[in-house]
Amino acid sequence: MIQVLVVDDDTRVARVNAAYVERVPGFRVVGQAHSAAEALRRMAEVPRPDLVLMDHHLPDETGLAVVQEMRRHEHQIDVIMVTAARDLATVRSALRQGVLQYLVKPFSFAGLRAKLETYADLRRTLDRGGTAEQSDVDLIFGALSSGVVPDLPKGHSPPTAELVRRALLNAEGSLSAQEVAEETGLSRQTAQRYLKLLERTGKARLTLRYGDAGRPEHRYAWATHT
């Protein structure tokens, strides 16, 4: 289980975020903090959390100041910023301090789930140890990027695109739109729409499966699969 500390100055928001985290398999909330001082105190406790969901606007310090203090004490804890701060100076500072993901409030459960599942995939990849080929490194650093498609067309949701991406990445072979719908809980029409988008942008690869009769079945695989 990945142990998570939720940091937010608003106790109600912290409870909501903690409830979201508990709904994602493989994650467990081990504490909540509502100030920088409380967050640092909880990080020093044993066992320490693996991951912190960090708000930026705290009553005594900023979230990034907490991250700096973490690094100074060499706490090996990963950070996902979960904040309403959207100015580029803060985003740039988060990048420079090694924040893995940045989720802007307000967000849905699906948005947070996508970030957490991507983080879990990253941990599994890194925990394998050994050496990495360039393709492995590209996948690792690609997991840190915030979006599947750089500029989604109007009417498309990044969390939904991430759900479809994960379904393709986790599949042993190609998937049909119906299979993606069953895997993600989306409708078949929605799954088909996002699969076509990913195929048009070069993220997914389309193949046709011919049966005994009728139209060929469209099947999709993530383009990095060989």
Protein backbone atom coordinates (compact mmCIF):
# COMPACT_ATOMS: atom_id res chain seq x y z
CA MET A 1 0.00 0.00 0.00
CA ILE A 2 1.19 3.50 -0.83
CA GLN A 3 0.94 5.62 2.34
CA VAL A 4 -0.43 9.13 1.69
CA LEU A 5 -0.39 12.30 3.79
CA VAL A 6 -3.04 14.86 2.78
CA VAL A 7 -2.08 18.50 3.45
CA ASP A 8 -4.69 21.24 3.07
CA ASP A 9 -5.52 24.27 5.22
CA ASP A 10 -9.25 23.65 4.73
CA THR A 11 -10.26 20.71 6.93
CA ARG A 12 -13.32 19.99 4.81
CA VAL A 13 -11.29 19.87 1.59
CA ALA A 14 -8.70 17.68 3.30
CA ARG A 15 -11.42 15.21 4.27
CA VAL A 16 -12.79 15.13 0.72
CA ASN A 17 -9.32 14.60 -0.76
CA ALA A 18 -8.59 11.87 1.78
CA ALA A 19 -11.85 10.14 0.88
CA TYR A 20 -10.90 10.31 -2.80
CA VAL A 21 -7.51 8.75 -2.08
CA GLU A 22 -9.08 5.90 -0.09
CA ARG A 23 -11.23 5.03 -3.11
CA VAL A 24 -8.16 4.30 -5.27
CA PRO A 25 -6.89 0.73 -4.86
CA GLY A 26 -3.36 0.51 -3.53
CA PHE A 27 -3.46 3.81 -1.61
CA ARG A 28 -4.09 4.47 2.08
CA VAL A 29 -4.32 7.80 3.91
CA VAL A 30 -2.09 7.76 6.99
CA GLY A 31 -2.77 11.31 8.12
CA GLN A 32 -4.01 14.81 7.42
CA ALA A 33 -2.29 18.12 8.14
CA HIS A 34 -3.63 21.66 7.94
CA SER A 35 -0.47 23.75 8.31
CA ALA A 36 3.16 23.63 7.22
CA ALA A 37 4.35 22.91 10.74
CA GLU A 38 1.90 20.06 11.19
CA ALA A 39 2.83 18.63 7.78
CA LEU A 40 6.54 18.61 8.60
CA ARG A 41 5.83 17.03 11.96
CA ARG A 42 3.80 14.25 10.36
CA MET A 43 6.54 13.64 7.76
CA ALA A 44 9.08 13.12 10.53
CA GLU A 45 6.99 10.43 12.20
CA VAL A 46 7.69 6.73 11.68
CA PRO A 47 6.58 5.22 9.42
CA ARG A 48 6.88 8.16 7.05
CA PRO A 49 4.40 8.61 4.20
CA ASP A 50 5.41 7.63 0.67
CA LEU A 51 3.46 10.46 -0.95
CA VAL A 52 2.15 13.88 0.07
CA LEU A 53 -0.80 15.62 -1.56
CA MET A 54 0.37 19.17 -0.91
CA ASP A 55 -1.73 22.32 -0.92
CA HIS A 56 0.26 25.48 -1.65
CA HIS A 57 -1.73 28.00 0.39
CA LEU A 58 -1.11 27.13 4.05
CA PRO A 59 -1.60 29.48 7.02
CA ASP A 60 2.04 29.55 8.19
CA GLU A 61 4.07 28.79 5.05
CA THR A 62 3.59 27.86 1.41
CA GLY A 63 3.43 24.27 0.28
CA LEU A 64 6.59 24.71 -1.75
CA ALA A 65 8.39 26.01 1.34
CA VAL A 66 7.40 22.73 3.00
CA VAL A 67 8.83 20.84 0.02
CA GLN A 68 12.12 22.78 0.38
CA GLU A 69 12.27 21.88 4.06
CA MET A 70 11.56 18.24 3.22
CA ARG A 71 14.49 18.20 0.81
CA ARG A 72 16.73 19.89 3.37
CA HIS A 73 15.99 17.10 5.82
CA GLU A 74 16.42 14.54 3.02
CA HIS A 75 12.95 13.07 3.48
CA GLN A 76 12.50 10.58 0.64
CA ILE A 77 8.84 11.46 0.11
CA ASP A 78 7.19 12.15 -3.23
CA VAL A 79 4.93 15.16 -3.74
CA ILE A 80 1.86 15.87 -5.83
CA MET A 81 0.73 19.49 -5.58
CA VAL A 82 -3.06 19.78 -5.16
CA THR A 83 -3.77 23.49 -5.14
CA ALA A 84 -5.67 26.44 -6.55
CA ALA A 85 -2.35 28.19 -7.28
CA ARG A 86 -2.08 28.36 -11.04
CA ASP A 87 0.44 31.14 -11.64
CA LEU A 88 3.33 29.97 -13.79
CA ALA A 89 5.96 31.10 -11.29
CA THR A 90 4.59 28.63 -8.74
CA VAL A 91 4.30 25.88 -11.36
CA ARG A 92 7.90 26.48 -12.46
CA SER A 93 9.12 26.40 -8.86
CA ALA A 94 7.28 23.13 -8.30
CA LEU A 95 9.02 21.61 -11.31
CA ARG A 96 12.44 22.75 -10.10
CA GLN A 97 11.83 21.26 -6.65
CA GLY A 98 10.99 17.83 -7.99
CA VAL A 99 7.22 17.85 -7.60
CA LEU A 100 5.97 14.89 -9.64
CA GLN A 101 2.47 16.07 -10.54
CA TYR A 102 0.45 19.28 -10.29
CA LEU A 103 -3.33 19.14 -9.99
CA VAL A 104 -5.25 22.42 -10.07
CA LYS A 105 -8.36 22.88 -7.93
CA PRO A 106 -11.21 22.34 -8.41
CA PHE A 107 -10.86 18.80 -9.76
CA SER A 108 -12.94 15.65 -9.94
CA PHE A 109 -12.30 12.26 -8.39
CA ALA A 110 -11.38 10.98 -11.86
CA GLY A 111 -8.74 13.69 -12.17
CA LEU A 112 -7.06 12.76 -8.90
CA ARG A 113 -7.41 9.05 -9.56
CA ALA A 114 -5.58 9.44 -12.89
CA LYS A 115 -2.68 11.21 -11.13
CA LEU A 116 -2.48 8.57 -8.40
CA GLU A 117 -2.64 5.64 -10.79
CA THR A 118 0.07 7.17 -12.97
CA TYR A 119 2.19 7.64 -9.83
CA ALA A 120 1.62 4.01 -8.82
CA ASP A 121 2.72 2.87 -12.29
CA LEU A 122 5.85 4.99 -11.97
CA ARG A 123 6.70 3.50 -8.58
CA ARG A 124 6.28 -0.05 -9.89
CA THR A 125 8.58 0.70 -12.81
CA LEU A 126 11.27 2.24 -10.61
CA ASP A 127 10.99 -0.41 -7.89
CA ARG A 128 11.91 -3.13 -10.39
CA GLY A 129 15.50 -1.89 -10.29
CA GLY A 130 18.08 -2.91 -12.86
CA THR A 131 18.91 -0.82 -15.90
CA ALA A 132 16.69 1.09 -18.31
CA GLU A 133 16.69 1.38 -22.07
CA GLN A 134 15.94 4.75 -23.65
CA SER A 135 12.37 3.62 -24.29
CA ASP A 136 11.98 2.84 -20.56
CA VAL A 137 13.34 6.27 -19.63
CA ASP A 138 10.98 7.93 -22.10
CA LEU A 139 8.03 6.12 -20.53
CA ILE A 140 9.14 7.11 -17.01
CA PHE A 141 9.50 10.77 -17.86
CA GLY A 142 6.36 10.64 -19.98
CA ALA A 143 4.47 9.45 -16.89
CA LEU A 144 5.39 12.73 -15.21
CA SER A 145 3.78 14.85 -17.91
CA SER A 146 0.38 16.25 -17.09
CA GLY A 147 -1.51 15.26 -20.20
CA VAL A 148 -1.94 12.44 -22.69
CA VAL A 149 -2.54 14.77 -25.64
CA PRO A 150 -0.91 18.23 -25.51
CA ASP A 151 -3.96 20.16 -26.72
CA LEU A 152 -7.20 18.27 -26.37
CA PRO A 153 -9.99 19.44 -28.66
CA LYS A 154 -12.93 21.22 -27.09
CA GLY A 155 -15.29 18.78 -25.42
CA HIS A 156 -12.56 16.29 -24.47
CA SER A 157 -11.52 15.67 -20.87
CA PRO A 158 -7.90 14.97 -19.82
CA PRO A 159 -8.99 12.53 -17.05
CA THR A 160 -11.09 10.56 -19.56
CA ALA A 161 -8.22 10.49 -22.04
CA GLU A 162 -6.00 9.24 -19.21
CA LEU A 163 -8.45 6.42 -18.41
CA VAL A 164 -8.38 5.26 -22.03
CA ARG A 165 -4.58 5.55 -22.14
CA ARG A 166 -4.24 3.39 -19.04
CA ALA A 167 -6.57 0.75 -20.45
CA LEU A 168 -4.40 0.48 -23.57
CA LEU A 169 -1.15 0.50 -21.59
CA ASN A 170 -2.31 -2.24 -19.23
CA ALA A 171 -3.63 -4.49 -21.99
CA GLU A 172 -1.57 -7.46 -23.14
CA GLY A 173 -2.72 -6.92 -26.71
CA SER A 174 -5.02 -4.67 -28.68
CA LEU A 175 -8.48 -3.71 -27.44
CA SER A 176 -11.78 -2.91 -29.12
CA ALA A 177 -13.87 0.11 -28.14
CA GLN A 178 -16.26 -2.21 -26.29
CA GLU A 179 -13.41 -3.75 -24.30
CA VAL A 180 -12.06 -0.30 -23.39
CA ALA A 181 -15.56 0.74 -22.30
CA GLU A 182 -15.84 -2.32 -20.04
CA GLU A 183 -12.38 -1.69 -18.58
CA THR A 184 -12.92 2.01 -17.84
CA GLY A 185 -16.65 2.22 -17.12
CA LEU A 186 -17.14 4.62 -20.04
CA SER A 187 -19.82 4.21 -22.66
CA ARG A 188 -18.77 2.49 -25.88
CA GLN A 189 -19.41 5.71 -27.83
CA THR A 190 -17.16 7.73 -25.50
CA ALA A 191 -14.43 5.10 -25.58
CA GLN A 192 -14.58 5.05 -29.39
CA ARG A 193 -14.35 8.84 -29.58
CA TYR A 194 -11.22 8.96 -27.41
CA LEU A 195 -9.63 6.00 -29.16
CA LYS A 196 -10.05 7.76 -32.50
CA LEU A 197 -8.52 10.92 -31.01
CA LEU A 198 -5.50 9.01 -29.68
CA GLU A 199 -5.10 7.24 -33.00
CA ARG A 200 -5.24 10.53 -34.95
CA THR A 201 -2.58 12.07 -32.72
CA GLY A 202 -0.27 9.09 -33.05
CA LYS A 203 -0.70 7.93 -29.44
CA ALA A 204 -2.59 4.76 -30.34
CA ARG A 205 -2.20 2.30 -33.21
CA LEU A 206 -5.21 1.00 -35.14
CA THR A 207 -5.44 -2.52 -36.54
CA LEU A 208 -8.34 -4.34 -38.18
CA ARG A 209 -9.47 -7.83 -37.24
CA TYR A 210 -11.44 -9.64 -39.93
CA GLY A 211 -14.04 -12.21 -38.96
CA ASP A 212 -16.09 -14.66 -40.96
CA ALA A 213 -18.58 -12.04 -42.05
CA GLY A 214 -19.49 -8.41 -41.64
CA ARG A 215 -17.34 -5.34 -41.07
CA PRO A 216 -13.81 -5.74 -39.64
CA GLU A 217 -13.38 -5.00 -35.95
CA HIS A 218 -11.33 -1.92 -35.08
CA ARG A 219 -8.73 -2.65 -32.40
CA TYR A 220 -6.34 -0.26 -30.69
CA ALA A 221 -3.00 -0.55 -28.94
CA TRP A 222 -0.81 2.09 -27.28
CA ALA A 223 1.70 3.22 -29.89
CA THR A 224 4.72 2.49 -27.67
CA HIS A 225 3.80 -1.18 -27.50
CA THR A 226 5.81 -3.45 -29.81
